[in-house]
PDB file of N, CA and C in Angstrom:
ATOM      1  N   MET A   1     -18.525  10.349 -21.011  1.00  0.00           N
ATOM      2  CA  MET A   1     -19.233   9.437 -20.124  1.00  0.00           C
ATOM      3  C   MET A   1     -18.413   9.204 -18.833  1.00  0.00           C
ATOM      4  N   ASN A   2     -19.064   9.241 -17.738  1.00  0.00           N
ATOM      5  CA  ASN A   2     -18.455   8.935 -16.445  1.00  0.00           C
ATOM      6  C   ASN A   2     -18.043   7.494 -16.430  1.00  0.00           C
ATOM      7  N   GLN A   3     -16.784   7.185 -15.987  1.00  0.00           N
ATOM      8  CA  GLN A   3     -16.293   5.827 -15.991  1.00  0.00           C
ATOM      9  C   GLN A   3     -17.144   4.899 -15.119  1.00  0.00           C
ATOM     10  N   PHE A   4     -17.778   5.439 -14.076  1.00  0.00           N
ATOM     11  CA  PHE A   4     -18.599   4.620 -13.207  1.00  0.00           C
ATOM     12  C   PHE A   4     -19.979   4.344 -13.776  1.00  0.00           C
ATOM     13  N   ALA A   5     -20.273   4.880 -14.959  1.00  0.00           N
ATOM     14  CA  ALA A   5     -21.473   4.559 -15.692  1.00  0.00           C
ATOM     15  C   ALA A   5     -21.136   3.657 -16.868  1.00  0.00           C
ATOM     16  N   ASP A   6     -19.880   3.307 -17.028  1.00  0.00           N
ATOM     17  CA  ASP A   6     -19.410   2.492 -18.134  1.00  0.00           C
ATOM     18  C   ASP A   6     -19.415   1.023 -17.741  1.00  0.00           C
ATOM     19  N   PRO A   7     -20.289   0.217 -18.287  1.00  0.00           N
ATOM     20  CA  PRO A   7     -20.383  -1.193 -17.911  1.00  0.00           C
ATOM     21  C   PRO A   7     -19.095  -1.955 -18.041  1.00  0.00           C
ATOM     22  N   GLU A   8     -18.293  -1.683 -19.072  1.00  0.00           N
ATOM     23  CA  GLU A   8     -17.002  -2.409 -19.228  1.00  0.00           C
ATOM     24  C   GLU A   8     -16.047  -2.071 -18.119  1.00  0.00           C
ATOM     25  N   PHE A   9     -15.955  -0.794 -17.749  1.00  0.00           N
ATOM     26  CA  PHE A   9     -15.100  -0.383 -16.658  1.00  0.00           C
ATOM     27  C   PHE A   9     -15.542  -1.070 -15.320  1.00  0.00           C
ATOM     28  N   LEU A  10     -16.810  -1.070 -15.058  1.00  0.00           N
ATOM     29  CA  LEU A  10     -17.308  -1.673 -13.846  1.00  0.00           C
ATOM     30  C   LEU A  10     -17.092  -3.176 -13.815  1.00  0.00           C
ATOM     31  N   GLN A  11     -17.274  -3.823 -14.959  1.00  0.00           N
ATOM     32  CA  GLN A  11     -17.063  -5.293 -15.054  1.00  0.00           C
ATOM     33  C   GLN A  11     -15.596  -5.617 -14.750  1.00  0.00           C
ATOM     34  N   GLU A  12     -14.706  -4.779 -15.319  1.00  0.00           N
ATOM     35  CA  GLU A  12     -13.274  -5.024 -15.115  1.00  0.00           C
ATOM     36  C   GLU A  12     -12.888  -4.872 -13.640  1.00  0.00           C
ATOM     37  N   GLY A  13     -13.388  -3.833 -13.000  1.00  0.00           N
ATOM     38  CA  GLY A  13     -12.985  -3.558 -11.618  1.00  0.00           C
ATOM     39  C   GLY A  13     -13.748  -4.310 -10.565  1.00  0.00           C
ATOM     40  N   TYR A  14     -14.995  -4.616 -10.823  1.00  0.00           N
ATOM     41  CA  TYR A  14     -15.858  -5.189  -9.811  1.00  0.00           C
ATOM     42  C   TYR A  14     -16.483  -6.535 -10.200  1.00  0.00           C
ATOM     43  N   GLY A  15     -16.137  -7.024 -11.393  1.00  0.00           N
ATOM     44  CA  GLY A  15     -16.814  -8.185 -11.934  1.00  0.00           C
ATOM     45  C   GLY A  15     -16.494  -9.507 -11.330  1.00  0.00           C
ATOM     46  N   THR A  16     -15.443  -9.576 -10.529  1.00  0.00           N
ATOM     47  CA  THR A  16     -15.101 -10.828  -9.852  1.00  0.00           C
ATOM     48  C   THR A  16     -14.999 -10.561  -8.359  1.00  0.00           C
ATOM     49  N   GLU A  17     -15.109 -11.617  -7.582  1.00  0.00           N
ATOM     50  CA  GLU A  17     -14.956 -11.449  -6.123  1.00  0.00           C
ATOM     51  C   GLU A  17     -13.584 -10.927  -5.769  1.00  0.00           C
ATOM     52  N   ASP A  18     -12.541 -11.404  -6.474  1.00  0.00           N
ATOM     53  CA  ASP A  18     -11.196 -10.900  -6.193  1.00  0.00           C
ATOM     54  C   ASP A  18     -11.092  -9.408  -6.529  1.00  0.00           C
ATOM     55  N   GLY A  19     -11.632  -9.005  -7.654  1.00  0.00           N
ATOM     56  CA  GLY A  19     -11.581  -7.564  -8.009  1.00  0.00           C
ATOM     57  C   GLY A  19     -12.310  -6.695  -7.001  1.00  0.00           C
ATOM     58  N   LEU A  20     -13.465  -7.142  -6.573  1.00  0.00           N
ATOM     59  CA  LEU A  20     -14.236  -6.426  -5.581  1.00  0.00           C
ATOM     60  C   LEU A  20     -13.485  -6.376  -4.265  1.00  0.00           C
ATOM     61  N   ALA A  21     -12.897  -7.487  -3.834  1.00  0.00           N
ATOM     62  CA  ALA A  21     -12.163  -7.527  -2.560  1.00  0.00           C
ATOM     63  C   ALA A  21     -10.966  -6.549  -2.631  1.00  0.00           C
ATOM     64  N   ILE A  22     -10.309  -6.458  -3.768  1.00  0.00           N
ATOM     65  CA  ILE A  22      -9.185  -5.516  -3.926  1.00  0.00           C
ATOM     66  C   ILE A  22      -9.684  -4.113  -3.767  1.00  0.00           C
ATOM     67  N   ARG A  23     -10.811  -3.798  -4.405  1.00  0.00           N
ATOM     68  CA  ARG A  23     -11.381  -2.441  -4.303  1.00  0.00           C
ATOM     69  C   ARG A  23     -11.739  -2.088  -2.861  1.00  0.00           C
ATOM     70  N   ILE A  24     -12.363  -3.020  -2.203  1.00  0.00           N
ATOM     71  CA  ILE A  24     -12.775  -2.790  -0.804  1.00  0.00           C
ATOM     72  C   ILE A  24     -11.533  -2.565   0.067  1.00  0.00           C
ATOM     73  N   GLN A  25     -10.507  -3.414  -0.113  1.00  0.00           N
ATOM     74  CA  GLN A  25      -9.284  -3.290   0.668  1.00  0.00           C
ATOM     75  C   GLN A  25      -8.562  -1.950   0.419  1.00  0.00           C
ATOM     76  N   ALA A  26      -8.521  -1.535  -0.831  1.00  0.00           N
ATOM     77  CA  ALA A  26      -7.911  -0.243  -1.187  1.00  0.00           C
ATOM     78  C   ALA A  26      -8.652   0.902  -0.531  1.00  0.00           C
ATOM     79  N   GLN A  27      -9.967   0.825  -0.545  1.00  0.00           N
ATOM     80  CA  GLN A  27     -10.774   1.884   0.085  1.00  0.00           C
ATOM     81  C   GLN A  27     -10.462   1.954   1.584  1.00  0.00           C
ATOM     82  N   GLN A  28     -10.363   0.786   2.209  1.00  0.00           N
ATOM     83  CA  GLN A  28     -10.057   0.787   3.657  1.00  0.00           C
ATOM     84  C   GLN A  28      -8.669   1.351   3.924  1.00  0.00           C
ATOM     85  N   TRP A  29      -7.670   0.976   3.114  1.00  0.00           N
ATOM     86  CA  TRP A  29      -6.311   1.454   3.353  1.00  0.00           C
ATOM     87  C   TRP A  29      -6.168   2.959   3.128  1.00  0.00           C
ATOM     88  N   PHE A  30      -6.864   3.489   2.109  1.00  0.00           N
ATOM     89  CA  PHE A  30      -6.645   4.863   1.728  1.00  0.00           C
ATOM     90  C   PHE A  30      -7.703   5.851   2.161  1.00  0.00           C
ATOM     91  N   SER A  31      -8.670   5.367   2.911  1.00  0.00           N
ATOM     92  CA  SER A  31      -9.701   6.301   3.386  1.00  0.00           C
ATOM     93  C   SER A  31      -9.036   7.250   4.405  1.00  0.00           C
ATOM     94  N   ARG A  32      -9.559   8.434   4.534  1.00  0.00           N
ATOM     95  CA  ARG A  32      -9.011   9.417   5.431  1.00  0.00           C
ATOM     96  C   ARG A  32      -9.168   9.037   6.893  1.00  0.00           C
ATOM     97  N   SER A  33     -10.241   8.342   7.170  1.00  0.00           N
ATOM     98  CA  SER A  33     -10.516   8.014   8.557  1.00  0.00           C
ATOM     99  C   SER A  33     -10.983   6.568   8.659  1.00  0.00           C
ATOM    100  N   HIS A  34     -10.615   5.888   9.694  1.00  0.00           N
ATOM    101  CA  HIS A  34     -11.058   4.528   9.916  1.00  0.00           C
ATOM    102  C   HIS A  34     -12.354   4.463  10.712  1.00  0.00           C
ATOM    103  N   ARG A  35     -12.798   5.594  11.172  1.00  0.00           N
ATOM    104  CA  ARG A  35     -14.087   5.623  11.911  1.00  0.00           C
ATOM    105  C   ARG A  35     -15.231   5.644  10.913  1.00  0.00           C
ATOM    106  N   ASN A  36     -16.359   5.223  11.309  1.00  0.00           N
ATOM    107  CA  ASN A  36     -17.523   5.220  10.442  1.00  0.00           C
ATOM    108  C   ASN A  36     -18.275   6.529  10.614  1.00  0.00           C
ATOM    109  N   ARG A  37     -18.064   7.426   9.648  1.00  0.00           N
ATOM    110  CA  ARG A  37     -18.664   8.774   9.727  1.00  0.00           C
ATOM    111  C   ARG A  37     -20.182   8.693   9.692  1.00  0.00           C
ATOM    112  N   PHE A  38     -20.760   7.754   8.934  1.00  0.00           N
ATOM    113  CA  PHE A  38     -22.186   7.640   8.880  1.00  0.00           C
ATOM    114  C   PHE A  38     -22.767   7.307  10.266  1.00  0.00           C
ATOM    115  N   ASP A  39     -22.120   6.391  10.969  1.00  0.00           N
ATOM    116  CA  ASP A  39     -22.584   6.052  12.314  1.00  0.00           C
ATOM    117  C   ASP A  39     -22.524   7.275  13.232  1.00  0.00           C
ATOM    118  N   GLU A  40     -21.460   8.054  13.114  1.00  0.00           N
ATOM    119  CA  GLU A  40     -21.330   9.257  13.942  1.00  0.00           C
ATOM    120  C   GLU A  40     -22.452  10.265  13.639  1.00  0.00           C
ATOM    121  N   LEU A  41     -22.720  10.492  12.344  1.00  0.00           N
ATOM    122  CA  LEU A  41     -23.781  11.423  11.983  1.00  0.00           C
ATOM    123  C   LEU A  41     -25.138  10.920  12.426  1.00  0.00           C
ATOM    124  N   THR A  42     -25.383   9.628  12.277  1.00  0.00           N
ATOM    125  CA  THR A  42     -26.650   9.066  12.734  1.00  0.00           C
ATOM    126  C   THR A  42     -26.841   9.224  14.212  1.00  0.00           C
ATOM    127  N   ARG A  43     -25.798   8.906  14.999  1.00  0.00           N
ATOM    128  CA  ARG A  43     -25.859   9.058  16.438  1.00  0.00           C
ATOM    129  C   ARG A  43     -26.168  10.497  16.826  1.00  0.00           C
ATOM    130  N   ASP A  44     -25.455  11.454  16.155  1.00  0.00           N
ATOM    131  CA  ASP A  44     -25.671  12.849  16.483  1.00  0.00           C
ATOM    132  C   ASP A  44     -27.068  13.306  16.132  1.00  0.00           C
ATOM    133  N   ALA A  45     -27.577  12.864  14.973  1.00  0.00           N
ATOM    134  CA  ALA A  45     -28.936  13.254  14.549  1.00  0.00           C
ATOM    135  C   ALA A  45     -29.966  12.676  15.520  1.00  0.00           C
ATOM    136  N   MET A  46     -29.781  11.433  15.929  1.00  0.00           N
ATOM    137  CA  MET A  46     -30.715  10.778  16.860  1.00  0.00           C
ATOM    138  C   MET A  46     -30.743  11.531  18.207  1.00  0.00           C
ATOM    139  N   THR A  47     -29.604  12.044  18.623  1.00  0.00           N
ATOM    140  CA  THR A  47     -29.512  12.788  19.869  1.00  0.00           C
ATOM    141  C   THR A  47     -30.256  14.106  19.801  1.00  0.00           C
ATOM    142  N   VAL A  48     -30.103  14.773  18.663  1.00  0.00           N
ATOM    143  CA  VAL A  48     -30.745  16.086  18.499  1.00  0.00           C
ATOM    144  C   VAL A  48     -32.248  15.950  18.279  1.00  0.00           C
ATOM    145  N   TRP A  49     -32.680  15.065  17.379  1.00  0.00           N
ATOM    146  CA  TRP A  49     -34.081  15.003  17.006  1.00  0.00           C
ATOM    147  C   TRP A  49     -34.903  14.026  17.872  1.00  0.00           C
ATOM    148  N   GLN A  50     -34.288  13.031  18.446  1.00  0.00           N
ATOM    149  CA  GLN A  50     -34.957  12.064  19.291  1.00  0.00           C
ATOM    150  C   GLN A  50     -36.209  11.477  18.630  1.00  0.00           C
ATOM    151  N   PRO A  51     -36.074  10.861  17.469  1.00  0.00           N
ATOM    152  CA  PRO A  51     -37.258  10.319  16.782  1.00  0.00           C
ATOM    153  C   PRO A  51     -37.791   9.070  17.510  1.00  0.00           C
ATOM    154  N   ASN A  52     -39.035   8.764  17.223  1.00  0.00           N
ATOM    155  CA  ASN A  52     -39.689   7.569  17.771  1.00  0.00           C
ATOM    156  C   ASN A  52     -39.329   6.319  16.959  1.00  0.00           C
ATOM    157  N   ALA A  53     -38.960   6.503  15.721  1.00  0.00           N
ATOM    158  CA  ALA A  53     -38.620   5.389  14.837  1.00  0.00           C
ATOM    159  C   ALA A  53     -37.596   5.832  13.809  1.00  0.00           C
ATOM    160  N   SER A  54     -36.929   4.862  13.187  1.00  0.00           N
ATOM    161  CA  SER A  54     -35.999   5.185  12.098  1.00  0.00           C
ATOM    162  C   SER A  54     -36.198   4.167  10.987  1.00  0.00           C
ATOM    163  N   LEU A  55     -35.768   4.520   9.792  1.00  0.00           N
ATOM    164  CA  LEU A  55     -35.896   3.643   8.616  1.00  0.00           C
ATOM    165  C   LEU A  55     -34.525   3.400   8.011  1.00  0.00           C
ATOM    166  N   ASN A  56     -34.141   2.131   7.878  1.00  0.00           N
ATOM    167  CA  ASN A  56     -32.903   1.762   7.199  1.00  0.00           C
ATOM    168  C   ASN A  56     -33.274   1.422   5.780  1.00  0.00           C
ATOM    169  N   ILE A  57     -32.699   2.171   4.831  1.00  0.00           N
ATOM    170  CA  ILE A  57     -33.050   1.958   3.415  1.00  0.00           C
ATOM    171  C   ILE A  57     -32.110   1.003   2.722  1.00  0.00           C
ATOM    172  N   GLY A  58     -31.206   0.342   3.464  1.00  0.00           N
ATOM    173  CA  GLY A  58     -30.367  -0.677   2.885  1.00  0.00           C
ATOM    174  C   GLY A  58     -29.125  -0.220   2.172  1.00  0.00           C
ATOM    175  N   ALA A  59     -28.669   0.998   2.489  1.00  0.00           N
ATOM    176  CA  ALA A  59     -27.452   1.490   1.811  1.00  0.00           C
ATOM    177  C   ALA A  59     -26.222   0.906   2.496  1.00  0.00           C
ATOM    178  N   GLY A  60     -25.208   0.601   1.768  1.00  0.00           N
ATOM    179  CA  GLY A  60     -23.964   0.128   2.309  1.00  0.00           C
ATOM    180  C   GLY A  60     -23.749  -1.379   2.221  1.00  0.00           C
ATOM    181  N   THR A  61     -22.739  -1.835   2.941  1.00  0.00           N
ATOM    182  CA  THR A  61     -22.317  -3.227   2.853  1.00  0.00           C
ATOM    183  C   THR A  61     -23.003  -4.162   3.814  1.00  0.00           C
ATOM    184  N   GLY A  62     -23.774  -3.606   4.728  1.00  0.00           N
ATOM    185  CA  GLY A  62     -24.418  -4.432   5.750  1.00  0.00           C
ATOM    186  C   GLY A  62     -23.661  -4.495   7.030  1.00  0.00           C
ATOM    187  N   ALA A  63     -22.474  -3.879   7.038  1.00  0.00           N
ATOM    188  CA  ALA A  63     -21.662  -3.873   8.307  1.00  0.00           C
ATOM    189  C   ALA A  63     -22.378  -3.108   9.365  1.00  0.00           C
TER     190      ALA A  63
END
């Protein structure tokens, strides 16, 4: 079983606000890049395709 499909593992790591904050901080410290790659890809795609509308499906932290 994948550990990220294990409810006990997820509860231990993400079950409290402190645990979640630690995970978020670790991700920020150890990520390869501090730039937002999704924003860059979105900007590039919008430049190429020039759509009339876009749909935000709610992925991410809301930042």
